[in-house]
C-alpha atoms as a PDB file:
ATOM      1  CA  MET A   1     -30.409   5.749 -39.494  1.00  0.00           C
ATOM      2  CA  ALA A   2     -29.376   2.242 -38.463  1.00  0.00           C
ATOM      3  CA  LEU A   3     -26.271   0.180 -37.901  1.00  0.00           C
ATOM      4  CA  HIS A   4     -25.751  -2.808 -40.191  1.00  0.00           C
ATOM      5  CA  PHE A   5     -24.838  -5.751 -37.934  1.00  0.00           C
ATOM      6  CA  GLU A   6     -23.583  -9.192 -38.918  1.00  0.00           C
ATOM      7  CA  LEU A   7     -22.784 -12.110 -36.627  1.00  0.00           C
ATOM      8  CA  VAL A   8     -20.757 -14.879 -38.252  1.00  0.00           C
ATOM      9  CA  THR A   9     -19.407 -18.216 -36.976  1.00  0.00           C
ATOM     10  CA  PRO A  10     -17.121 -20.607 -38.858  1.00  0.00           C
ATOM     11  CA  GLU A  11     -20.222 -22.634 -39.769  1.00  0.00           C
ATOM     12  CA  ARG A  12     -22.640 -19.941 -40.944  1.00  0.00           C
ATOM     13  CA  LEU A  13     -23.966 -16.410 -41.063  1.00  0.00           C
ATOM     14  CA  VAL A  14     -26.061 -16.194 -37.880  1.00  0.00           C
ATOM     15  CA  ARG A  15     -27.466 -12.661 -38.242  1.00  0.00           C
ATOM     16  CA  SER A  16     -27.486  -9.887 -40.804  1.00  0.00           C
ATOM     17  CA  GLU A  17     -29.771  -7.010 -39.868  1.00  0.00           C
ATOM     18  CA  GLU A  18     -30.206  -3.317 -39.212  1.00  0.00           C
ATOM     19  CA  VAL A  19     -30.155  -2.415 -35.507  1.00  0.00           C
ATOM     20  CA  TYR A  20     -29.810   0.686 -33.339  1.00  0.00           C
ATOM     21  CA  MET A  21     -26.793  -0.405 -31.257  1.00  0.00           C
ATOM     22  CA  VAL A  22     -24.764  -3.477 -30.267  1.00  0.00           C
ATOM     23  CA  VAL A  23     -22.691  -3.804 -27.079  1.00  0.00           C
ATOM     24  CA  VAL A  24     -19.774  -6.205 -27.584  1.00  0.00           C
ATOM     25  CA  PRO A  25     -17.756  -7.960 -24.822  1.00  0.00           C
ATOM     26  CA  GLY A  26     -14.247  -6.843 -25.832  1.00  0.00           C
ATOM     27  CA  THR A  27     -11.165  -8.260 -24.160  1.00  0.00           C
ATOM     28  CA  GLU A  28     -10.331  -4.754 -22.880  1.00  0.00           C
ATOM     29  CA  GLY A  29     -13.927  -4.126 -21.769  1.00  0.00           C
ATOM     30  CA  ASP A  30     -17.400  -3.867 -23.236  1.00  0.00           C
ATOM     31  CA  PHE A  31     -17.938  -1.356 -26.043  1.00  0.00           C
ATOM     32  CA  GLY A  32     -21.054  -0.060 -27.754  1.00  0.00           C
ATOM     33  CA  VAL A  33     -21.316   0.498 -31.490  1.00  0.00           C
ATOM     34  CA  LEU A  34     -23.768   2.904 -33.127  1.00  0.00           C
ATOM     35  CA  GLU A  35     -24.017   3.861 -36.789  1.00  0.00           C
ATOM     36  CA  GLY A  36     -21.136   6.136 -37.775  1.00  0.00           C
ATOM     37  CA  HIS A  37     -18.694   4.650 -35.237  1.00  0.00           C
ATOM     38  CA  ALA A  38     -15.018   5.176 -36.102  1.00  0.00           C
ATOM     39  CA  PRO A  39     -13.257   2.189 -37.707  1.00  0.00           C
ATOM     40  CA  PHE A  40     -12.161  -0.207 -34.981  1.00  0.00           C
ATOM     41  CA  MET A  41     -11.024  -3.801 -34.443  1.00  0.00           C
ATOM     42  CA  SER A  42     -10.995  -5.784 -31.216  1.00  0.00           C
ATOM     43  CA  THR A  43     -10.686  -9.290 -29.926  1.00  0.00           C
ATOM     44  CA  ILE A  44     -13.705 -10.394 -27.930  1.00  0.00           C
ATOM     45  CA  ARG A  45     -14.002 -12.479 -24.792  1.00  0.00           C
ATOM     46  CA  ASP A  46     -16.626 -15.066 -23.921  1.00  0.00           C
ATOM     47  CA  GLY A  47     -19.768 -13.207 -22.949  1.00  0.00           C
ATOM     48  CA  SER A  48     -22.979 -11.880 -24.446  1.00  0.00           C
ATOM     49  CA  LEU A  49     -23.779  -9.443 -27.209  1.00  0.00           C
ATOM     50  CA  SER A  50     -26.504  -6.950 -26.282  1.00  0.00           C
ATOM     51  CA  ILE A  51     -28.496  -6.105 -29.405  1.00  0.00           C
ATOM     52  CA  TYR A  52     -30.724  -3.025 -29.271  1.00  0.00           C
ATOM     53  CA  ARG A  53     -33.212  -2.956 -32.158  1.00  0.00           C
ATOM     54  CA  ALA A  54     -34.350   0.604 -31.338  1.00  0.00           C
ATOM     55  CA  GLN A  55     -33.257   3.445 -29.082  1.00  0.00           C
ATOM     56  CA  GLY A  56     -34.475   2.811 -25.539  1.00  0.00           C
ATOM     57  CA  ALA A  57     -35.539  -0.765 -26.331  1.00  0.00           C
ATOM     58  CA  THR A  58     -34.777  -3.692 -24.050  1.00  0.00           C
ATOM     59  CA  PRO A  59     -31.731  -5.465 -25.495  1.00  0.00           C
ATOM     60  CA  GLU A  60     -31.711  -9.012 -26.788  1.00  0.00           C
ATOM     61  CA  THR A  61     -28.719 -10.859 -25.332  1.00  0.00           C
ATOM     62  CA  LEU A  62     -26.916 -13.496 -27.323  1.00  0.00           C
ATOM     63  CA  PRO A  63     -24.117 -15.571 -25.736  1.00  0.00           C
ATOM     64  CA  ILE A  64     -20.933 -15.848 -27.816  1.00  0.00           C
ATOM     65  CA  THR A  65     -17.548 -17.493 -27.400  1.00  0.00           C
ATOM     66  CA  GLY A  66     -14.345 -15.662 -28.396  1.00  0.00           C
ATOM     67  CA  GLY A  67     -13.496 -14.140 -31.744  1.00  0.00           C
ATOM     68  CA  PHE A  68     -13.077 -10.700 -33.270  1.00  0.00           C
ATOM     69  CA  ALA A  69     -15.187  -7.614 -33.923  1.00  0.00           C
ATOM     70  CA  GLU A  70     -14.658  -5.156 -36.760  1.00  0.00           C
ATOM     71  CA  VAL A  71     -16.330  -1.795 -37.230  1.00  0.00           C
ATOM     72  CA  ASN A  72     -15.966  -0.170 -40.646  1.00  0.00           C
ATOM     73  CA  ALA A  73     -17.950   2.105 -42.962  1.00  0.00           C
ATOM     74  CA  LYS A  74     -20.340  -0.790 -43.733  1.00  0.00           C
ATOM     75  CA  GLY A  75     -21.184  -1.473 -40.073  1.00  0.00           C
ATOM     76  CA  LEU A  76     -20.260  -4.015 -37.374  1.00  0.00           C
ATOM     77  CA  THR A  77     -19.172  -7.580 -38.061  1.00  0.00           C
ATOM     78  CA  VAL A  78     -18.663  -9.985 -35.159  1.00  0.00           C
ATOM     79  CA  LEU A  79     -16.702 -13.117 -36.033  1.00  0.00           C
ATOM     80  CA  ALA A  80     -17.450 -15.431 -33.096  1.00  0.00           C
ATOM     81  CA  GLU A  81     -15.976 -18.862 -32.489  1.00  0.00           C
ATOM     82  CA  GLN A  82     -19.489 -20.011 -31.611  1.00  0.00           C
ATOM     83  CA  THR A  83     -22.883 -18.896 -30.356  1.00  0.00           C
ATOM     84  CA  ALA A  84     -25.131 -20.620 -27.852  1.00  0.00           C
END
């Protein structure tokens, strides 16, 4: 089982892939999303996404600037103002 993850900026779709987990820098604190997470929306602060492709794997970090994150039945969508 995998989490469908999409990272979108105003210019383009940056990522669309199946991953194990993503840790998002929320304005109220970091939060991790796995497949089956309850529906959730949050604003995000400047920081880095940590993308885990498999359980126990070393995460890939991707700097982002502001935006929103939405978790729904389809997966996690991060709408970032920009990526580095």
